[in-house]
N, C-alpha and C. Protein backbone atom coordinates (compact mmCIF):
# COMPACT_ATOMS: atom_id res chain seq x y z
N VAL A 1 -107.46 139.05 -227.23
CA VAL A 1 -106.33 138.68 -228.00
C VAL A 1 -105.69 139.98 -228.64
N ASP A 2 -104.42 140.11 -228.51
CA ASP A 2 -103.78 141.29 -229.02
C ASP A 2 -102.42 140.91 -229.68
N ASP A 3 -101.87 141.56 -230.53
CA ASP A 3 -100.58 141.25 -231.21
C ASP A 3 -99.47 141.53 -230.31
N ILE A 4 -99.50 142.79 -229.66
CA ILE A 4 -98.31 143.08 -228.75
C ILE A 4 -98.83 143.84 -227.64
N TYR A 5 -98.37 143.41 -226.42
CA TYR A 5 -98.62 144.11 -225.21
C TYR A 5 -97.39 145.04 -224.92
N ASP A 6 -97.54 146.31 -225.25
CA ASP A 6 -96.49 147.22 -225.22
C ASP A 6 -96.79 148.07 -223.93
N GLU A 7 -97.54 149.15 -224.04
CA GLU A 7 -97.88 150.00 -222.88
C GLU A 7 -99.18 149.47 -222.16
N GLY A 8 -99.95 148.80 -222.98
CA GLY A 8 -101.11 148.13 -222.46
C GLY A 8 -102.44 148.87 -222.42
N GLY A 9 -102.54 150.01 -222.95
CA GLY A 9 -103.68 150.84 -222.95
C GLY A 9 -104.92 150.14 -223.62
N THR A 10 -104.68 149.63 -224.85
CA THR A 10 -105.85 148.94 -225.49
C THR A 10 -106.42 147.69 -224.75
N LEU A 11 -105.54 146.83 -224.42
CA LEU A 11 -105.86 145.55 -223.84
C LEU A 11 -106.55 145.80 -222.46
N THR A 12 -105.91 146.61 -221.67
CA THR A 12 -106.54 146.83 -220.34
C THR A 12 -107.80 147.48 -220.34
N GLN A 13 -108.09 148.39 -221.38
CA GLN A 13 -109.52 148.92 -221.50
C GLN A 13 -110.40 147.90 -222.00
N ILE A 14 -110.07 147.03 -222.97
CA ILE A 14 -110.95 146.05 -223.38
C ILE A 14 -111.38 145.06 -222.19
N VAL A 15 -110.42 144.65 -221.37
CA VAL A 15 -110.76 143.90 -220.18
C VAL A 15 -111.66 144.56 -219.29
N GLU A 16 -111.47 145.79 -218.95
CA GLU A 16 -112.33 146.51 -218.20
C GLU A 16 -113.78 146.63 -218.76
N TYR A 17 -113.84 146.78 -220.13
CA TYR A 17 -115.13 146.93 -220.72
C TYR A 17 -115.89 145.58 -220.59
N CYS A 18 -115.17 144.55 -220.86
CA CYS A 18 -115.87 143.17 -220.75
C CYS A 18 -116.37 142.94 -219.28
N LYS A 19 -115.50 143.29 -218.32
CA LYS A 19 -115.93 143.16 -216.90
C LYS A 19 -117.16 144.03 -216.66
N SER A 20 -117.20 145.24 -217.11
CA SER A 20 -118.37 146.17 -217.00
C SER A 20 -119.57 145.67 -217.53
N GLU A 21 -119.50 144.79 -218.53
CA GLU A 21 -120.58 144.18 -219.25
C GLU A 21 -121.06 142.81 -218.52
N TYR A 22 -120.40 142.59 -217.39
CA TYR A 22 -120.64 141.37 -216.58
C TYR A 22 -120.17 140.03 -217.24
N ALA A 23 -119.07 140.08 -217.97
CA ALA A 23 -118.62 138.84 -218.58
C ALA A 23 -118.32 137.89 -217.29
N LYS A 24 -118.57 136.66 -217.57
CA LYS A 24 -118.35 135.60 -216.53
C LYS A 24 -116.89 135.49 -216.24
N SER A 25 -116.04 135.52 -217.32
CA SER A 25 -114.63 135.47 -217.15
C SER A 25 -113.92 136.22 -218.28
N VAL A 26 -112.80 136.71 -218.07
CA VAL A 26 -112.06 137.40 -219.13
C VAL A 26 -110.59 136.92 -219.09
N HIS A 27 -110.16 136.39 -220.18
CA HIS A 27 -108.76 135.92 -220.37
C HIS A 27 -108.05 136.76 -221.44
N THR A 28 -106.78 136.96 -221.18
CA THR A 28 -105.94 137.73 -222.21
C THR A 28 -104.92 136.84 -222.88
N ALA A 29 -104.70 137.09 -224.12
CA ALA A 29 -103.62 136.37 -224.89
C ALA A 29 -102.94 137.44 -225.85
N VAL A 30 -101.63 137.34 -225.77
CA VAL A 30 -100.84 138.21 -226.63
C VAL A 30 -99.77 137.42 -227.32
N LEU A 31 -99.40 137.87 -228.59
CA LEU A 31 -98.35 137.16 -229.23
C LEU A 31 -96.96 137.59 -228.60
N VAL A 32 -96.77 138.92 -228.32
CA VAL A 32 -95.61 139.40 -227.82
C VAL A 32 -95.86 140.31 -226.65
N ASN A 33 -95.05 140.14 -225.50
CA ASN A 33 -95.07 141.08 -224.46
C ASN A 33 -93.67 141.81 -224.33
N LYS A 34 -93.82 143.06 -224.50
CA LYS A 34 -92.51 143.90 -224.49
C LYS A 34 -92.22 144.28 -223.05
N ILE A 35 -91.00 144.01 -222.49
CA ILE A 35 -90.69 144.31 -221.22
C ILE A 35 -90.02 145.71 -220.97
N HIS A 36 -90.66 146.55 -220.20
CA HIS A 36 -90.20 147.90 -219.87
C HIS A 36 -91.00 148.41 -218.70
N ASP A 37 -90.73 149.56 -218.21
CA ASP A 37 -91.35 150.13 -217.10
C ASP A 37 -92.39 151.25 -217.49
N ARG A 38 -92.97 151.32 -218.69
CA ARG A 38 -93.94 152.27 -219.09
C ARG A 38 -95.38 151.60 -219.16
N LYS A 39 -95.66 150.49 -218.58
CA LYS A 39 -96.91 149.96 -218.66
C LYS A 39 -98.01 150.94 -217.99
N CYS A 40 -99.13 150.97 -218.61
CA CYS A 40 -100.19 151.90 -218.00
C CYS A 40 -100.71 151.29 -216.71
N GLU A 41 -100.72 150.01 -216.50
CA GLU A 41 -101.20 149.36 -215.34
C GLU A 41 -100.04 148.29 -214.97
N PRO A 42 -99.03 148.71 -214.26
CA PRO A 42 -97.90 147.79 -213.93
C PRO A 42 -98.24 146.52 -213.39
N ASP A 43 -99.23 146.32 -212.64
CA ASP A 43 -99.66 145.18 -212.01
C ASP A 43 -100.58 144.17 -212.77
N PHE A 44 -100.94 144.60 -214.00
CA PHE A 44 -101.79 143.85 -214.95
C PHE A 44 -101.07 142.54 -215.31
N GLN A 45 -101.70 141.41 -215.18
CA GLN A 45 -101.16 140.15 -215.52
C GLN A 45 -101.80 139.53 -216.71
N LEU A 46 -101.00 139.11 -217.83
CA LEU A 46 -101.52 138.48 -218.96
C LEU A 46 -101.79 136.98 -218.60
N ASP A 47 -102.77 136.50 -219.31
CA ASP A 47 -103.05 134.99 -219.02
C ASP A 47 -102.18 134.14 -219.95
N TYR A 48 -101.98 134.62 -221.15
CA TYR A 48 -101.16 133.76 -222.11
C TYR A 48 -100.31 134.77 -222.88
N CYS A 49 -99.07 134.25 -223.19
CA CYS A 49 -98.13 135.15 -223.99
C CYS A 49 -97.23 134.23 -224.69
N GLY A 50 -97.07 134.54 -226.01
CA GLY A 50 -96.29 133.68 -226.92
C GLY A 50 -94.82 133.91 -226.76
N LEU A 51 -94.45 135.17 -226.54
CA LEU A 51 -93.03 135.59 -226.51
C LEU A 51 -92.81 136.80 -225.82
N THR A 52 -91.81 136.87 -224.89
CA THR A 52 -91.39 138.02 -224.16
C THR A 52 -90.19 138.48 -224.77
N VAL A 53 -90.24 139.88 -224.98
CA VAL A 53 -88.99 140.50 -225.80
C VAL A 53 -88.57 141.80 -224.97
N PRO A 54 -87.25 142.09 -225.13
CA PRO A 54 -86.81 143.34 -224.49
C PRO A 54 -87.43 144.60 -225.25
N ASP A 55 -87.16 145.76 -224.69
CA ASP A 55 -87.69 146.95 -225.16
C ASP A 55 -87.12 147.48 -226.44
N ARG A 56 -87.43 146.74 -227.49
CA ARG A 56 -86.92 147.07 -228.93
C ARG A 56 -88.11 147.11 -229.87
N TYR A 57 -87.91 147.72 -230.98
CA TYR A 57 -89.04 147.82 -232.07
C TYR A 57 -89.00 146.39 -232.74
N VAL A 58 -90.12 145.71 -232.57
CA VAL A 58 -90.13 144.35 -233.21
C VAL A 58 -91.14 144.29 -234.36
N PHE A 59 -90.89 143.41 -235.29
CA PHE A 59 -91.82 143.32 -236.44
C PHE A 59 -91.81 141.81 -236.86
N GLY A 60 -92.84 141.60 -237.73
CA GLY A 60 -92.97 140.25 -238.25
C GLY A 60 -94.31 139.59 -237.65
N TYR A 61 -94.74 138.50 -238.31
CA TYR A 61 -96.02 137.84 -237.74
C TYR A 61 -97.18 138.82 -237.57
N GLY A 62 -97.31 139.76 -238.52
CA GLY A 62 -98.50 140.65 -238.34
C GLY A 62 -98.03 142.07 -237.79
N LEU A 63 -96.89 142.22 -237.26
CA LEU A 63 -96.36 143.55 -236.74
C LEU A 63 -95.47 144.03 -237.80
N ASP A 64 -95.77 145.31 -238.27
CA ASP A 64 -94.95 145.93 -239.43
C ASP A 64 -93.88 146.86 -238.85
N TYR A 65 -93.06 147.18 -239.80
CA TYR A 65 -91.98 148.16 -239.64
C TYR A 65 -92.08 149.16 -240.72
N LYS A 66 -92.61 150.34 -240.48
CA LYS A 66 -92.89 151.46 -241.53
C LYS A 66 -93.60 150.86 -242.72
N GLY A 67 -94.62 150.10 -242.38
CA GLY A 67 -95.49 149.51 -243.43
C GLY A 67 -94.93 148.31 -244.15
N TYR A 68 -93.85 147.90 -243.77
CA TYR A 68 -93.18 146.61 -244.42
C TYR A 68 -92.96 145.59 -243.48
N TRP A 69 -92.64 144.33 -243.93
CA TRP A 69 -92.25 143.20 -243.18
C TRP A 69 -93.34 142.60 -242.22
N ARG A 70 -94.54 142.95 -242.44
CA ARG A 70 -95.62 142.41 -241.66
C ARG A 70 -95.74 140.94 -241.82
N ASN A 71 -95.42 140.40 -242.92
CA ASN A 71 -95.62 139.00 -243.23
C ASN A 71 -94.30 138.23 -243.08
N ALA A 72 -93.26 138.84 -242.38
CA ALA A 72 -92.05 138.10 -242.07
C ALA A 72 -92.38 136.89 -241.28
N ALA A 73 -91.70 135.73 -241.61
CA ALA A 73 -91.97 134.52 -240.91
C ALA A 73 -91.02 134.35 -239.61
N GLY A 74 -91.30 135.27 -238.76
CA GLY A 74 -90.63 135.30 -237.43
C GLY A 74 -90.76 136.65 -236.76
N ILE A 75 -90.23 136.79 -235.59
CA ILE A 75 -90.28 138.09 -234.94
C ILE A 75 -88.79 138.55 -234.95
N TYR A 76 -88.59 139.83 -235.42
CA TYR A 76 -87.33 140.38 -235.53
C TYR A 76 -87.40 141.69 -234.78
N ALA A 77 -86.11 142.23 -234.42
CA ALA A 77 -86.03 143.53 -233.78
C ALA A 77 -85.16 144.45 -234.66
N VAL A 78 -85.46 145.72 -234.77
CA VAL A 78 -84.80 146.72 -235.58
C VAL A 78 -83.53 147.07 -234.67
N LYS A 79 -82.30 146.97 -235.39
CA LYS A 79 -81.03 147.33 -234.73
C LYS A 79 -81.05 148.85 -234.53
N ASN A 80 -80.40 149.33 -233.36
CA ASN A 80 -80.03 150.73 -233.15
C ASN A 80 -81.25 151.59 -233.16
N LEU A 81 -82.31 151.15 -232.74
CA LEU A 81 -83.64 151.97 -232.76
C LEU A 81 -84.16 152.03 -231.33
């Protein structure tokens, strides 16, 4: 489980670690999947995704913007960034 699937380095390494430890199955879940062409493993498929967003800086529901707005009751994008 991860908050945001941006470039994917953290999540893909965790999945590979679980597989190397002979996990019977590994499933992924993210709150937000950011769409762009900078993914570290472009063919990696998420099992569960709450929201797909364009390539913008997003905050809220645990994601912060410069240390603020982590507890915002929604997912928002910063304008012109």
